[in-house]
Amino acid sequence: MKKYLEPAREIPVKHEVDVLVVGGGPAGFSAAVNSARLGVKTMLIEQTGGVGGIATMGLMSHWTGETEGPFYNELLDKSKEREGEFYYYGERKWGWDKIINPEKLRIVMLEMIEESGAILQLYTFACDVIMDGNNIVGVITESKSGREAIMAKIVIDASGDGDIAAKAGAPFFMGREKDRKMQPVSVMFKVGGVDTSKAVYPGQFNDRFDLPQGELQELAEQELPHPAGHVLLYPSTLPDVVSVNMTNCTDIDGTKVEDLTTGEIICRKQITPIIRFLRKHVPGFENCYVISTSAILGVRETRHFIGEYTLTEEDILNSRFFDDWIVAKALFHQLDVHSLTGSGLDETGMQDEFPRIASYTIPYRCFLPKKIDSLLLAGRNISGTHLAHSNFRVMPICVNMGQGVGVAAALSVKEKVRPKDLNVQKIQKILIECGYNLEKRY
């Protein structure tokens, strides 16, 4: 490969902040708001044109699982549909309060960021780090405004893939431990024209529907282009509109632009045959049509960073309570491993057979990457095994992560200590004051 030597140049320092959050998905949004609420100068940068990540730009259908948390509960309450609003049309459906209206959620999130006092900058890509020994002291960005630097005392990497942590030299591994394979990518979309009085909603891979033509999931595997081949359909908050999670592309590395492009093309090419399949086989979908597709590719798994502790699937299945928790009441009754080679659930995944566990905690050490100071992780990139990640990667748990990490970052600034030297009990005290009730573990 030919190389070009970029000339050295001066770049302007756009901002100097206490806490810089990279990535505006559920974890990063939560981290930024909770840090700013504690009175430290906080900035959130996001490479797309909106906050919320997969919850909004990715058209995710609903908040998954039974997780509770004070900030997550606040977000649910503020974003749920209410009578008298232009979003609301009256019918109460399955899991109503957890169904996402992405347009309303985007507005609610923007309002919450503004109210917190955090600085928000969209359309901004974090492309490099500024280091002082093992400390990140700033991030270099690219945007329409050019190449700029943002200096910060603490950086939170909530980019999903951990781009900033990787550039800083934090150790990680990719995907599944034994072979580095990663979960597939998808493009969510919504269809209109559905007769919801007749519609069926297979929400899990194990959900089966016997039709005159055959069993629905088996028909999908036979007729849809590989690696698509399962049916996942969810109600929306809008009349006659259903969310569809059926596109599928395996063997994609979400940290490579070529693979992202391939995933985008393959998933979008599957939409037309999926529509034909829904019209042909699924009750209520005889006249359905596409009304919107996600603005971003849904990437489930890439880098797993190695932290001071690695959360395991045994920790989750045993509902482990860690003394140094900063995430509590996490609960999702699945090991949600999408097949790494085709459609449906991977052989290592668990849905119906997942035990009815109590909620679990995640220790502060999972958010502290080895080797790098002044950096915290938040979201699916934290320190955990491939199987544990399949549970904690869901959005409600990521919101709880953001709250804990946002509080930790703000306290580190206030107390002028490295995150790893912070007294965890001080983080917990604030989280309990916010509303965590640890006496009730369900």
Protein backbone atom coordinates (compact mmCIF):
# COMPACT_ATOMS: atom_id res chain seq x y z
CA MET A 1 0.00 0.00 0.00
CA LYS A 2 1.34 3.40 -0.98
CA LYS A 3 1.64 5.95 1.80
CA TYR A 4 1.41 9.71 2.04
CA LEU A 5 3.20 11.66 4.76
CA GLU A 6 0.83 14.26 6.14
CA PRO A 7 2.59 17.52 6.92
CA ALA A 8 2.59 18.66 10.55
CA ARG A 9 0.16 21.46 11.25
CA GLU A 10 -1.37 23.38 14.08
CA ILE A 11 -5.00 22.70 14.89
CA PRO A 12 -7.25 24.88 17.03
CA VAL A 13 -8.38 23.79 20.49
CA LYS A 14 -12.14 24.07 20.14
CA HIS A 15 -13.07 23.35 23.75
CA GLU A 16 -11.46 22.64 27.10
CA VAL A 17 -13.83 20.63 29.28
CA ASP A 18 -13.84 18.55 32.41
CA VAL A 19 -15.53 15.49 30.88
CA LEU A 20 -15.68 14.62 27.18
CA VAL A 21 -18.08 11.87 26.09
CA VAL A 22 -17.46 10.31 22.67
CA GLY A 23 -20.60 8.76 21.17
CA GLY A 24 -24.21 9.82 21.64
CA GLY A 25 -25.94 6.44 21.85
CA PRO A 26 -27.88 5.37 24.95
CA ALA A 27 -24.72 4.94 27.06
CA GLY A 28 -23.01 8.15 25.93
CA PHE A 29 -26.16 10.24 26.17
CA SER A 30 -26.75 8.98 29.70
CA ALA A 31 -23.13 9.56 30.71
CA ALA A 32 -23.12 13.14 29.43
CA VAL A 33 -26.38 14.15 31.11
CA ASN A 34 -25.46 12.58 34.43
CA SER A 35 -21.98 14.10 34.42
CA ALA A 36 -23.30 17.57 33.59
CA ARG A 37 -26.00 17.34 36.27
CA LEU A 38 -23.23 17.14 38.86
CA GLY A 39 -21.96 20.54 37.81
CA VAL A 40 -18.83 19.71 35.84
CA LYS A 41 -18.24 21.07 32.35
CA THR A 42 -19.27 18.23 30.08
CA MET A 43 -19.27 17.85 26.30
CA LEU A 44 -20.85 15.17 24.11
CA ILE A 45 -19.71 14.62 20.54
CA GLU A 46 -21.54 12.40 18.07
CA GLN A 47 -20.63 11.55 14.47
CA THR A 48 -24.22 11.41 13.17
CA GLY A 49 -26.85 14.14 13.11
CA GLY A 50 -28.78 12.97 16.16
CA VAL A 51 -28.50 11.50 19.63
CA GLY A 52 -29.80 8.10 20.68
CA GLY A 53 -27.78 5.83 18.41
CA ILE A 54 -29.58 2.58 17.64
CA ALA A 55 -32.57 3.71 19.74
CA THR A 56 -33.27 6.58 17.33
CA MET A 57 -31.06 6.68 14.24
CA GLY A 58 -31.14 2.87 14.15
CA LEU A 59 -34.98 2.62 14.44
CA MET A 60 -34.83 0.09 17.28
CA SER A 61 -38.32 -1.14 18.06
CA HIS A 62 -38.32 -1.22 21.87
CA TRP A 63 -36.35 -1.14 25.10
CA THR A 64 -35.42 -4.76 25.77
CA GLY A 65 -35.57 -6.68 29.04
CA GLU A 66 -36.64 -5.94 32.60
CA THR A 67 -33.83 -3.63 33.67
CA GLU A 68 -34.59 -0.84 36.12
CA GLY A 69 -32.58 2.27 36.94
CA PRO A 70 -33.35 5.82 38.03
CA PHE A 71 -32.16 7.55 34.88
CA TYR A 72 -33.49 4.83 32.58
CA ASN A 73 -36.88 5.08 34.32
CA GLU A 74 -36.80 8.87 33.88
CA LEU A 75 -36.05 8.49 30.18
CA LEU A 76 -38.88 5.98 29.74
CA ASP A 77 -41.32 8.28 31.50
CA LYS A 78 -40.37 11.35 29.47
CA SER A 79 -40.42 9.58 26.12
CA LYS A 80 -43.55 7.45 26.47
CA GLU A 81 -46.65 8.27 24.44
CA ARG A 82 -49.25 10.48 26.11
CA GLU A 83 -52.78 11.38 25.14
CA GLY A 84 -53.00 14.82 23.56
CA GLU A 85 -49.62 14.64 21.85
CA PHE A 86 -49.34 14.48 18.08
CA TYR A 87 -47.40 11.22 18.38
CA TYR A 88 -50.19 9.42 20.22
CA TYR A 89 -53.08 7.79 18.43
CA GLY A 90 -54.89 6.05 21.24
CA GLU A 91 -54.40 2.29 21.00
CA ARG A 92 -52.54 0.62 23.87
CA LYS A 93 -50.43 -2.31 22.72
CA TRP A 94 -48.04 -4.95 23.98
CA GLY A 95 -45.24 -3.46 26.09
CA TRP A 96 -46.55 0.02 25.38
CA ASP A 97 -44.24 1.99 27.67
CA LYS A 98 -41.16 0.30 26.18
CA ILE A 99 -42.09 0.71 22.51
CA ILE A 100 -39.89 3.42 21.00
CA ASN A 101 -41.14 6.30 18.91
CA PRO A 102 -37.71 7.34 17.57
CA GLU A 103 -38.83 10.81 16.52
CA LYS A 104 -40.16 11.66 19.96
CA LEU A 105 -37.17 10.05 21.68
CA ARG A 106 -34.73 12.18 19.67
CA ILE A 107 -36.50 15.34 20.80
CA VAL A 108 -36.67 14.20 24.44
CA MET A 109 -32.97 13.35 24.47
CA LEU A 110 -32.01 16.72 23.00
CA GLU A 111 -34.13 18.48 25.60
CA MET A 112 -32.52 16.50 28.42
CA ILE A 113 -29.03 17.33 27.16
CA GLU A 114 -29.89 21.02 26.96
CA GLU A 115 -31.44 21.02 30.44
CA SER A 116 -28.34 19.33 31.90
CA GLY A 117 -26.05 22.07 30.60
CA ALA A 118 -23.84 19.68 28.63
CA ILE A 119 -22.31 20.97 25.39
CA LEU A 120 -23.52 18.98 22.38
CA GLN A 121 -21.71 18.84 19.05
CA LEU A 122 -23.16 16.62 16.31
CA TYR A 123 -21.66 15.72 12.92
CA THR A 124 -18.31 15.33 14.66
CA PHE A 125 -16.02 12.32 14.25
CA ALA A 126 -13.42 11.58 16.93
CA CYS A 127 -10.41 10.49 14.89
CA ASP A 128 -7.41 10.48 17.26
CA VAL A 129 -6.24 10.96 20.82
CA ILE A 130 -3.88 13.37 22.52
CA MET A 131 -1.80 11.52 25.10
CA ASP A 132 0.42 12.51 27.99
CA GLY A 133 2.06 9.26 28.99
CA ASN A 134 -0.79 6.89 29.90
CA ASN A 135 -3.31 9.72 30.19
CA ILE A 136 -5.72 10.83 27.51
CA VAL A 137 -5.74 14.60 27.74
CA GLY A 138 -7.76 15.31 24.61
CA VAL A 139 -9.35 14.08 21.42
CA ILE A 140 -8.83 15.22 17.84
CA THR A 141 -11.98 15.59 15.77
CA GLU A 142 -12.92 16.03 12.13
CA SER A 143 -16.07 17.85 11.02
CA LYS A 144 -17.33 20.44 8.55
CA SER A 145 -15.42 22.94 10.68
CA GLY A 146 -12.17 21.12 9.95
CA ARG A 147 -9.69 19.37 12.20
CA GLU A 148 -9.95 20.50 15.83
CA ALA A 149 -8.90 19.42 19.32
CA ILE A 150 -11.03 19.07 22.43
CA MET A 151 -9.07 18.91 25.67
CA ALA A 152 -10.54 17.08 28.65
CA LYS A 153 -9.62 15.91 32.14
CA ILE A 154 -11.65 12.70 31.75
CA VAL A 155 -12.73 11.01 28.50
CA ILE A 156 -15.60 8.53 28.31
CA ASP A 157 -15.51 6.23 25.28
CA ALA A 158 -19.13 5.40 24.46
CA SER A 159 -18.46 4.96 20.74
CA GLY A 160 -19.69 1.37 20.70
CA ASP A 161 -16.56 0.08 19.00
CA GLY A 162 -14.22 1.76 21.50
CA ASP A 163 -12.43 3.73 18.79
CA ILE A 164 -10.81 6.18 21.22
CA ALA A 165 -9.77 3.51 23.70
CA ALA A 166 -8.19 1.53 20.87
CA LYS A 167 -6.26 4.54 19.57
CA ALA A 168 -5.01 5.21 23.10
CA GLY A 169 -3.58 1.70 23.26
CA ALA A 170 -6.04 0.03 25.64
CA PRO A 171 -5.89 -3.77 25.19
CA PHE A 172 -8.88 -5.57 23.68
CA PHE A 173 -9.95 -8.65 21.78
CA MET A 174 -12.41 -8.93 18.91
CA GLY A 175 -15.65 -10.91 18.98
CA ARG A 176 -15.81 -14.47 20.25
CA GLU A 177 -12.76 -15.58 22.20
CA LYS A 178 -12.04 -18.81 20.31
CA ASP A 179 -12.18 -17.51 16.74
CA ARG A 180 -12.79 -13.72 16.85
CA LYS A 181 -16.06 -14.10 14.93
CA MET A 182 -18.63 -11.37 15.65
CA GLN A 183 -22.40 -11.19 15.75
CA PRO A 184 -24.05 -10.14 12.46
CA VAL A 185 -25.11 -6.63 11.50
CA SER A 186 -28.61 -5.50 10.52
CA VAL A 187 -30.65 -2.63 9.09
CA MET A 188 -33.94 -2.08 10.92
CA PHE A 189 -36.93 -0.77 8.98
CA LYS A 190 -40.61 0.00 9.40
CA VAL A 191 -43.52 -1.04 7.23
CA GLY A 192 -46.93 0.58 6.91
CA GLY A 193 -50.22 -0.75 5.59
CA VAL A 194 -50.39 -3.57 8.16
CA ASP A 195 -53.76 -4.84 9.36
CA THR A 196 -52.75 -4.93 13.02
CA SER A 197 -56.00 -6.68 13.98
CA LYS A 198 -54.67 -9.80 12.21
CA ALA A 199 -50.92 -9.28 12.56
CA VAL A 200 -48.64 -11.68 14.42
CA TYR A 201 -45.52 -10.49 16.22
CA PRO A 202 -42.78 -13.10 16.53
CA GLY A 203 -40.46 -11.23 18.90
CA GLN A 204 -37.92 -14.02 19.43
CA PHE A 205 -36.24 -16.54 17.17
CA ASN A 206 -38.01 -19.31 19.07
CA ASP A 207 -41.48 -17.87 18.43
CA ARG A 208 -43.29 -20.25 16.06
CA PHE A 209 -46.43 -19.71 13.98
CA ASP A 210 -48.05 -22.55 12.03
CA LEU A 211 -49.57 -21.36 8.77
CA PRO A 212 -51.29 -23.32 5.96
CA GLN A 213 -48.06 -23.01 3.95
CA GLY A 214 -45.88 -24.25 6.81
CA GLU A 215 -44.19 -22.94 9.96
CA LEU A 216 -43.27 -19.24 9.61
CA GLN A 217 -39.63 -19.38 10.74
CA GLU A 218 -38.96 -22.44 8.59
CA LEU A 219 -40.51 -20.72 5.55
CA ALA A 220 -38.29 -17.70 6.12
CA GLU A 221 -35.16 -19.83 6.30
CA GLN A 222 -36.15 -21.55 3.06
CA GLU A 223 -37.23 -18.53 1.03
CA LEU A 224 -35.24 -15.48 2.21
CA PRO A 225 -31.75 -14.83 0.79
CA HIS A 226 -29.01 -16.19 3.06
CA PRO A 227 -27.94 -15.11 5.65
CA ALA A 228 -31.37 -13.59 6.22
CA GLY A 229 -33.91 -16.23 7.20
CA HIS A 230 -35.78 -15.40 10.40
CA VAL A 231 -38.89 -13.36 11.24
CA LEU A 232 -38.78 -10.72 14.00
CA LEU A 233 -41.69 -8.24 14.03
CA TYR A 234 -42.65 -5.67 16.67
CA PRO A 235 -45.54 -3.23 17.19
CA SER A 236 -44.89 0.49 16.88
CA THR A 237 -46.62 3.52 18.38
CA LEU A 238 -48.10 4.47 15.01
CA PRO A 239 -51.28 3.13 13.38
CA ASP A 240 -50.80 0.19 11.01
CA VAL A 241 -46.97 0.43 11.31
CA VAL A 242 -44.69 -2.44 12.39
CA SER A 243 -40.94 -2.53 13.08
CA VAL A 244 -39.00 -5.22 11.22
CA ASN A 245 -35.71 -6.75 12.36
CA MET A 246 -35.03 -9.28 9.61
CA THR A 247 -32.06 -8.13 7.53
CA ASN A 248 -28.86 -9.97 8.37
CA CYS A 249 -25.21 -9.95 7.28
CA THR A 250 -22.52 -12.14 8.83
CA ASP A 251 -18.70 -11.99 8.74
CA ILE A 252 -18.63 -8.21 9.10
CA ASP A 253 -15.98 -6.38 11.11
CA GLY A 254 -17.65 -3.18 12.25
CA THR A 255 -14.27 -1.48 12.73
CA LYS A 256 -13.50 -1.66 8.99
CA VAL A 257 -15.11 0.80 6.61
CA GLU A 258 -15.07 -1.72 3.74
CA ASP A 259 -17.02 -4.21 5.83
CA LEU A 260 -19.49 -1.57 6.98
CA THR A 261 -20.14 -0.69 3.35
CA THR A 262 -20.63 -4.35 2.46
CA GLY A 263 -23.02 -4.85 5.38
CA GLU A 264 -25.05 -1.81 4.39
CA ILE A 265 -25.41 -2.99 0.79
CA ILE A 266 -26.25 -6.61 1.61
CA CYS A 267 -28.82 -5.72 4.29
CA ARG A 268 -30.57 -3.15 2.11
CA LYS A 269 -30.73 -5.55 -0.84
CA GLN A 270 -32.58 -7.99 1.45
CA ILE A 271 -35.41 -5.55 2.18
CA THR A 272 -37.30 -6.11 -1.09
CA PRO A 273 -37.41 -9.92 -0.79
CA ILE A 274 -38.38 -9.55 2.88
CA ILE A 275 -41.35 -7.37 1.87
CA ARG A 276 -42.39 -9.97 -0.71
CA PHE A 277 -42.14 -12.68 1.95
CA LEU A 278 -44.21 -10.72 4.48
CA ARG A 279 -46.94 -10.04 1.92
CA LYS A 280 -47.00 -13.67 0.87
CA HIS A 281 -46.96 -15.41 4.24
CA VAL A 282 -47.60 -13.26 7.30
CA PRO A 283 -51.20 -12.52 8.36
CA GLY A 284 -52.01 -8.82 8.29
CA PHE A 285 -49.01 -7.94 6.10
CA GLU A 286 -50.68 -8.62 2.72
CA ASN A 287 -50.50 -4.94 1.72
CA CYS A 288 -47.46 -3.78 3.68
CA TYR A 289 -44.85 -1.39 2.28
CA VAL A 290 -41.61 0.20 3.49
CA ILE A 291 -41.99 3.64 5.07
CA SER A 292 -38.55 4.15 6.69
CA THR A 293 -35.18 2.48 7.12
CA SER A 294 -32.52 3.07 9.76
CA ALA A 295 -29.96 5.78 9.11
CA ILE A 296 -27.14 3.67 10.54
CA LEU A 297 -26.10 0.03 10.31
CA GLY A 298 -26.81 -1.91 13.50
CA VAL A 299 -23.46 -3.34 14.65
CA ARG A 300 -23.84 -5.72 17.59
CA GLU A 301 -20.28 -6.66 18.46
CA THR A 302 -16.70 -5.61 17.79
CA ARG A 303 -14.05 -4.81 20.43
CA HIS A 304 -14.17 -6.15 23.98
CA PHE A 305 -11.74 -4.16 26.11
CA ILE A 306 -9.77 -5.77 28.89
CA GLY A 307 -10.53 -4.00 32.13
CA GLU A 308 -9.63 -4.40 35.77
CA TYR A 309 -12.36 -7.06 35.85
CA THR A 310 -14.02 -9.04 33.03
CA LEU A 311 -17.73 -9.74 33.48
CA THR A 312 -18.62 -13.33 32.64
CA GLU A 313 -21.80 -15.14 31.69
CA GLU A 314 -21.52 -17.02 35.02
CA ASP A 315 -21.68 -13.68 36.85
CA ILE A 316 -24.93 -12.90 35.04
CA LEU A 317 -26.49 -16.35 35.38
CA ASN A 318 -25.67 -16.34 39.11
CA SER A 319 -27.10 -12.82 39.58
CA ARG A 320 -23.82 -11.80 41.16
CA PHE A 321 -23.76 -8.78 43.44
CA PHE A 322 -20.42 -6.95 43.32
CA ASP A 323 -19.37 -4.73 46.21
CA ASP A 324 -17.97 -2.19 43.73
CA TRP A 325 -21.11 -2.05 41.55
CA ILE A 326 -21.97 1.06 39.57
CA VAL A 327 -24.70 -0.66 37.53
CA ALA A 328 -27.47 -2.41 39.44
CA LYS A 329 -30.78 -4.05 38.60
CA ALA A 330 -29.63 -5.15 35.15
CA LEU A 331 -31.93 -7.85 33.81
CA PHE A 332 -32.43 -9.37 30.36
CA HIS A 333 -33.62 -12.98 30.18
CA GLN A 334 -31.52 -14.00 27.20
CA LEU A 335 -28.06 -14.70 25.94
CA ASP A 336 -28.93 -12.84 22.75
CA VAL A 337 -26.34 -14.28 20.39
CA HIS A 338 -27.50 -13.94 16.80
CA SER A 339 -26.09 -16.69 14.62
CA LEU A 340 -22.52 -15.96 13.62
CA THR A 341 -22.90 -17.97 10.41
CA GLY A 342 -26.51 -17.58 9.29
CA SER A 343 -29.97 -16.62 10.51
CA GLY A 344 -31.70 -17.09 13.85
CA LEU A 345 -30.19 -17.76 17.26
CA ASP A 346 -26.63 -19.01 17.55
CA GLU A 347 -26.13 -22.44 19.12
CA THR A 348 -24.52 -20.71 22.11
CA GLY A 349 -27.49 -18.38 22.64
CA MET A 350 -30.32 -18.86 25.13
CA GLN A 351 -33.90 -17.62 24.96
CA ASP A 352 -36.72 -19.85 26.25
CA GLU A 353 -34.27 -21.96 28.25
CA PHE A 354 -32.67 -18.95 29.94
CA PRO A 355 -33.17 -19.30 33.73
CA ARG A 356 -35.43 -16.87 35.61
CA ILE A 357 -32.58 -15.14 37.37
CA ALA A 358 -32.66 -12.13 39.64
CA SER A 359 -31.14 -8.88 38.45
CA TYR A 360 -27.36 -8.54 38.46
CA THR A 361 -24.77 -5.82 38.95
CA ILE A 362 -21.74 -4.71 36.95
CA PRO A 363 -18.61 -3.70 38.87
CA TYR A 364 -16.81 -0.41 38.40
CA ARG A 365 -13.67 -2.33 37.39
CA CYS A 366 -15.33 -3.37 34.08
CA PHE A 367 -15.32 0.30 33.01
CA LEU A 368 -11.61 0.86 33.76
CA PRO A 369 -9.47 -0.24 30.80
CA LYS A 370 -6.04 -1.59 31.61
CA LYS A 371 -2.97 0.59 30.87
CA ILE A 372 -4.84 3.85 30.19
CA ASP A 373 -5.67 6.48 32.82
CA SER A 374 -8.29 9.26 32.64
CA LEU A 375 -10.41 7.02 30.40
CA LEU A 376 -13.70 5.29 31.17
CA LEU A 377 -15.66 2.87 28.99
CA ALA A 378 -19.44 2.85 28.58
CA GLY A 379 -21.72 0.65 26.48
CA ARG A 380 -21.10 -2.59 24.65
CA ASN A 381 -17.31 -2.02 24.64
CA ILE A 382 -16.82 -2.62 28.40
CA SER A 383 -14.79 -5.51 29.78
CA GLY A 384 -16.82 -8.68 29.38
CA THR A 385 -16.81 -12.04 27.67
CA HIS A 386 -18.48 -12.65 24.32
CA LEU A 387 -21.43 -14.39 25.99
CA ALA A 388 -21.78 -11.87 28.82
CA HIS A 389 -21.74 -9.12 26.20
CA SER A 390 -24.75 -10.73 24.48
CA ASN A 391 -26.74 -9.88 27.60
CA PHE A 392 -25.35 -6.54 28.81
CA ARG A 393 -25.18 -4.95 25.35
CA VAL A 394 -28.91 -4.18 25.30
CA MET A 395 -29.89 -0.51 25.50
CA PRO A 396 -31.52 -0.29 28.96
CA ILE A 397 -28.41 -1.75 30.59
CA CYS A 398 -26.25 0.63 28.54
CA VAL A 399 -28.30 3.56 29.87
CA ASN A 400 -27.56 2.36 33.40
CA MET A 401 -23.89 2.07 32.49
CA GLY A 402 -23.89 5.67 31.29
CA GLN A 403 -25.39 6.92 34.53
CA GLY A 404 -22.78 5.16 36.66
CA VAL A 405 -19.86 6.20 34.48
CA GLY A 406 -21.10 9.78 34.16
CA VAL A 407 -21.22 10.08 37.95
CA ALA A 408 -17.76 8.49 38.24
CA ALA A 409 -16.26 10.90 35.72
CA ALA A 410 -17.74 13.96 37.43
CA LEU A 411 -16.52 12.83 40.86
CA SER A 412 -13.04 12.14 39.48
CA VAL A 413 -12.88 15.73 38.25
CA LYS A 414 -14.22 17.17 41.48
CA GLU A 415 -11.86 15.17 43.66
CA LYS A 416 -8.90 15.54 41.28
CA VAL A 417 -8.14 11.82 41.23
CA ARG A 418 -7.73 9.23 38.52
CA PRO A 419 -10.91 7.22 37.89
CA LYS A 420 -9.20 4.07 39.18
CA ASP A 421 -8.35 5.85 42.47
CA LEU A 422 -11.91 7.04 43.08
CA ASN A 423 -13.78 5.72 46.13
CA VAL A 424 -16.54 3.61 44.58
CA GLN A 425 -18.78 4.09 47.60
CA LYS A 426 -19.04 7.78 46.71
CA ILE A 427 -20.38 6.84 43.26
CA GLN A 428 -22.84 4.41 44.85
CA LYS A 429 -24.03 7.03 47.33
CA ILE A 430 -25.04 9.38 44.52
CA LEU A 431 -26.68 6.58 42.53
CA ILE A 432 -28.72 5.51 45.57
CA GLU A 433 -29.72 9.14 46.15
CA CYS A 434 -30.89 9.19 42.51
CA GLY A 435 -33.24 6.30 43.20
CA TYR A 436 -31.54 2.89 43.16
CA ASN A 437 -33.34 0.60 45.62
CA LEU A 438 -30.95 -2.26 46.22
CA GLU A 439 -33.19 -3.97 48.76
CA LYS A 440 -35.54 -5.11 46.01
CA ARG A 441 -33.73 -7.46 43.63
CA TYR A 442 -36.22 -9.26 41.39
